[in-house]
Amino acid sequence: MPKLKTHRGAAKRFKKTATGKFVRSKAFKQHILTSKSRGRKRSLRGTTVVADADAARLARMLPYK
């Protein structure tokens, strides 16, 4: 069976944890930040775990990650 190709767009956006879950950065923190409250911007820091519904699709996109 041939080698599987990694989805390069997904590889740049998601990382796999030691337990096998995928983490992503939060959205809506790139621009137009003046209209967003301080608390909202603070809660958008860091990473969060990908939803279970999307994790199965990501596992196929990132076979060797």
N, C-alpha and C. Protein backbone atom coordinates (compact mmCIF):
# COMPACT_ATOMS: atom_id res chain seq x y z
N MET A 1 0.84 -1.18 0.00
CA MET A 1 0.00 0.00 0.00
C MET A 1 0.89 1.25 0.00
N PRO A 2 0.53 2.26 -0.79
CA PRO A 2 1.39 3.44 -0.86
C PRO A 2 1.31 4.28 0.41
N LYS A 3 2.31 5.14 0.53
CA LYS A 3 2.33 6.05 1.67
C LYS A 3 1.19 7.05 1.52
N LEU A 4 0.65 7.50 2.63
CA LEU A 4 -0.43 8.49 2.63
C LEU A 4 0.17 9.88 2.70
N LYS A 5 -0.47 10.81 2.02
CA LYS A 5 0.00 12.18 2.07
C LYS A 5 -0.65 12.92 3.23
N THR A 6 0.15 13.72 3.89
CA THR A 6 -0.35 14.58 4.97
C THR A 6 -0.98 15.82 4.35
N HIS A 7 -2.12 16.23 4.88
CA HIS A 7 -2.77 17.46 4.44
C HIS A 7 -1.98 18.62 5.03
N ARG A 8 -1.24 19.34 4.19
CA ARG A 8 -0.30 20.34 4.68
C ARG A 8 -1.00 21.52 5.35
N GLY A 9 -2.19 21.87 4.89
CA GLY A 9 -2.92 22.96 5.54
C GLY A 9 -3.32 22.60 6.95
N ALA A 10 -3.73 21.35 7.16
CA ALA A 10 -4.10 20.89 8.49
C ALA A 10 -2.88 20.74 9.37
N ALA A 11 -1.76 20.32 8.79
CA ALA A 11 -0.54 20.12 9.57
C ALA A 11 -0.04 21.42 10.18
N LYS A 12 -0.29 22.53 9.49
CA LYS A 12 0.15 23.83 9.99
C LYS A 12 -0.78 24.37 11.07
N ARG A 13 -1.99 23.86 11.15
CA ARG A 13 -2.99 24.43 12.06
C ARG A 13 -3.26 23.59 13.30
N PHE A 14 -2.98 22.30 13.25
CA PHE A 14 -3.33 21.41 14.36
C PHE A 14 -2.11 20.66 14.86
N LYS A 15 -2.14 20.34 16.16
CA LYS A 15 -1.05 19.59 16.76
C LYS A 15 -1.65 18.47 17.57
N LYS A 16 -0.99 17.33 17.62
CA LYS A 16 -1.49 16.19 18.36
C LYS A 16 -0.85 16.16 19.74
N THR A 17 -1.64 15.89 20.77
CA THR A 17 -1.13 15.82 22.13
C THR A 17 -0.60 14.41 22.39
N ALA A 18 0.00 14.23 23.55
CA ALA A 18 0.55 12.92 23.91
C ALA A 18 -0.54 11.87 24.07
N THR A 19 -1.76 12.30 24.42
CA THR A 19 -2.86 11.36 24.59
C THR A 19 -3.59 11.08 23.28
N GLY A 20 -3.18 11.75 22.19
CA GLY A 20 -3.79 11.48 20.90
C GLY A 20 -4.88 12.44 20.49
N LYS A 21 -5.15 13.45 21.30
CA LYS A 21 -6.15 14.46 20.94
C LYS A 21 -5.49 15.53 20.09
N PHE A 22 -6.31 16.27 19.34
CA PHE A 22 -5.81 17.37 18.52
C PHE A 22 -6.14 18.68 19.20
N VAL A 23 -5.19 19.61 19.17
CA VAL A 23 -5.42 20.95 19.72
C VAL A 23 -5.33 21.96 18.59
N ARG A 24 -6.04 23.05 18.75
CA ARG A 24 -6.07 24.11 17.75
C ARG A 24 -6.02 25.44 18.48
N SER A 25 -5.65 26.49 17.76
CA SER A 25 -5.72 27.82 18.33
C SER A 25 -7.13 28.36 18.12
N LYS A 26 -7.50 29.33 18.92
CA LYS A 26 -8.86 29.85 18.84
C LYS A 26 -8.99 30.88 17.74
N ALA A 27 -10.17 30.98 17.19
CA ALA A 27 -10.44 31.89 16.08
C ALA A 27 -10.81 33.28 16.59
N PHE A 28 -10.89 34.24 15.66
CA PHE A 28 -11.34 35.62 15.91
C PHE A 28 -10.36 36.44 16.75
N LYS A 29 -9.06 36.16 16.66
CA LYS A 29 -8.08 36.95 17.41
C LYS A 29 -7.03 37.53 16.48
N GLN A 30 -7.34 37.69 15.19
CA GLN A 30 -6.33 38.15 14.24
C GLN A 30 -6.40 39.66 13.99
N HIS A 31 -7.57 40.20 13.79
CA HIS A 31 -7.66 41.63 13.46
C HIS A 31 -9.00 42.17 13.95
N ILE A 32 -9.17 43.47 13.80
CA ILE A 32 -10.34 44.21 14.31
C ILE A 32 -10.51 43.94 15.81
N LEU A 33 -9.43 44.10 16.55
CA LEU A 33 -9.46 43.79 17.98
C LEU A 33 -9.97 44.94 18.83
N THR A 34 -10.07 46.13 18.25
CA THR A 34 -10.49 47.28 19.05
C THR A 34 -11.96 47.18 19.44
N SER A 35 -12.77 46.50 18.62
CA SER A 35 -14.19 46.39 18.93
C SER A 35 -14.50 45.23 19.87
N LYS A 36 -13.50 44.42 20.20
CA LYS A 36 -13.72 43.28 21.08
C LYS A 36 -13.30 43.64 22.50
N SER A 37 -14.04 43.15 23.46
CA SER A 37 -13.76 43.51 24.86
C SER A 37 -12.48 42.84 25.35
N ARG A 38 -11.95 43.38 26.43
CA ARG A 38 -10.70 42.86 26.99
C ARG A 38 -10.88 41.41 27.44
N GLY A 39 -12.01 41.13 28.07
CA GLY A 39 -12.26 39.76 28.53
C GLY A 39 -12.41 38.78 27.40
N ARG A 40 -13.05 39.24 26.33
CA ARG A 40 -13.22 38.36 25.18
C ARG A 40 -11.88 38.03 24.53
N LYS A 41 -11.02 39.04 24.41
CA LYS A 41 -9.70 38.81 23.82
C LYS A 41 -8.85 37.92 24.72
N ARG A 42 -9.00 38.06 26.02
CA ARG A 42 -8.25 37.23 26.96
C ARG A 42 -8.68 35.77 26.85
N SER A 43 -9.97 35.54 26.66
CA SER A 43 -10.46 34.16 26.56
C SER A 43 -10.08 33.51 25.24
N LEU A 44 -9.66 34.31 24.27
CA LEU A 44 -9.26 33.77 22.96
C LEU A 44 -7.79 33.39 22.92
N ARG A 45 -7.07 33.61 24.01
CA ARG A 45 -5.67 33.22 24.05
C ARG A 45 -5.54 31.70 24.14
N GLY A 46 -4.37 31.22 23.78
CA GLY A 46 -4.06 29.81 24.00
C GLY A 46 -4.72 28.87 23.01
N THR A 47 -4.82 27.62 23.41
CA THR A 47 -5.34 26.58 22.53
C THR A 47 -6.52 25.88 23.19
N THR A 48 -7.24 25.13 22.38
CA THR A 48 -8.37 24.35 22.86
C THR A 48 -8.39 23.02 22.12
N VAL A 49 -9.08 22.04 22.68
CA VAL A 49 -9.13 20.71 22.08
C VAL A 49 -10.17 20.70 20.97
N VAL A 50 -9.87 20.02 19.89
CA VAL A 50 -10.78 19.92 18.75
C VAL A 50 -11.97 19.05 19.14
N ALA A 51 -13.15 19.38 18.62
CA ALA A 51 -14.36 18.63 18.90
C ALA A 51 -14.24 17.20 18.38
N ASP A 52 -14.92 16.28 19.04
CA ASP A 52 -14.88 14.87 18.66
C ASP A 52 -15.36 14.63 17.24
N ALA A 53 -16.34 15.42 16.80
CA ALA A 53 -16.88 15.25 15.45
C ALA A 53 -15.83 15.55 14.39
N ASP A 54 -14.90 16.47 14.68
CA ASP A 54 -13.87 16.84 13.72
C ASP A 54 -12.59 16.02 13.89
N ALA A 55 -12.42 15.40 15.05
CA ALA A 55 -11.17 14.69 15.34
C ALA A 55 -10.97 13.49 14.40
N ALA A 56 -12.04 12.80 14.05
CA ALA A 56 -11.93 11.65 13.16
C ALA A 56 -11.47 12.09 11.78
N ARG A 57 -11.98 13.21 11.29
CA ARG A 57 -11.57 13.72 9.99
C ARG A 57 -10.11 14.16 10.02
N LEU A 58 -9.71 14.78 11.14
CA LEU A 58 -8.32 15.22 11.27
C LEU A 58 -7.36 14.04 11.31
N ALA A 59 -7.78 12.95 11.93
CA ALA A 59 -6.91 11.77 12.00
C ALA A 59 -6.62 11.23 10.62
N ARG A 60 -7.56 11.36 9.70
CA ARG A 60 -7.30 10.93 8.32
C ARG A 60 -6.41 11.93 7.58
N MET A 61 -6.57 13.21 7.90
CA MET A 61 -5.77 14.23 7.24
C MET A 61 -4.32 14.20 7.69
N LEU A 62 -4.09 13.80 8.95
CA LEU A 62 -2.75 13.79 9.53
C LEU A 62 -2.38 12.38 9.96
N PRO A 63 -2.08 11.50 9.02
CA PRO A 63 -1.88 10.09 9.37
C PRO A 63 -0.61 9.82 10.18
N TYR A 64 0.41 10.65 10.04
CA TYR A 64 1.69 10.36 10.70
C TYR A 64 2.02 11.34 11.80
N LYS A 65 1.06 12.16 12.17
CA LYS A 65 1.33 13.19 13.18
C LYS A 65 1.15 12.65 14.56
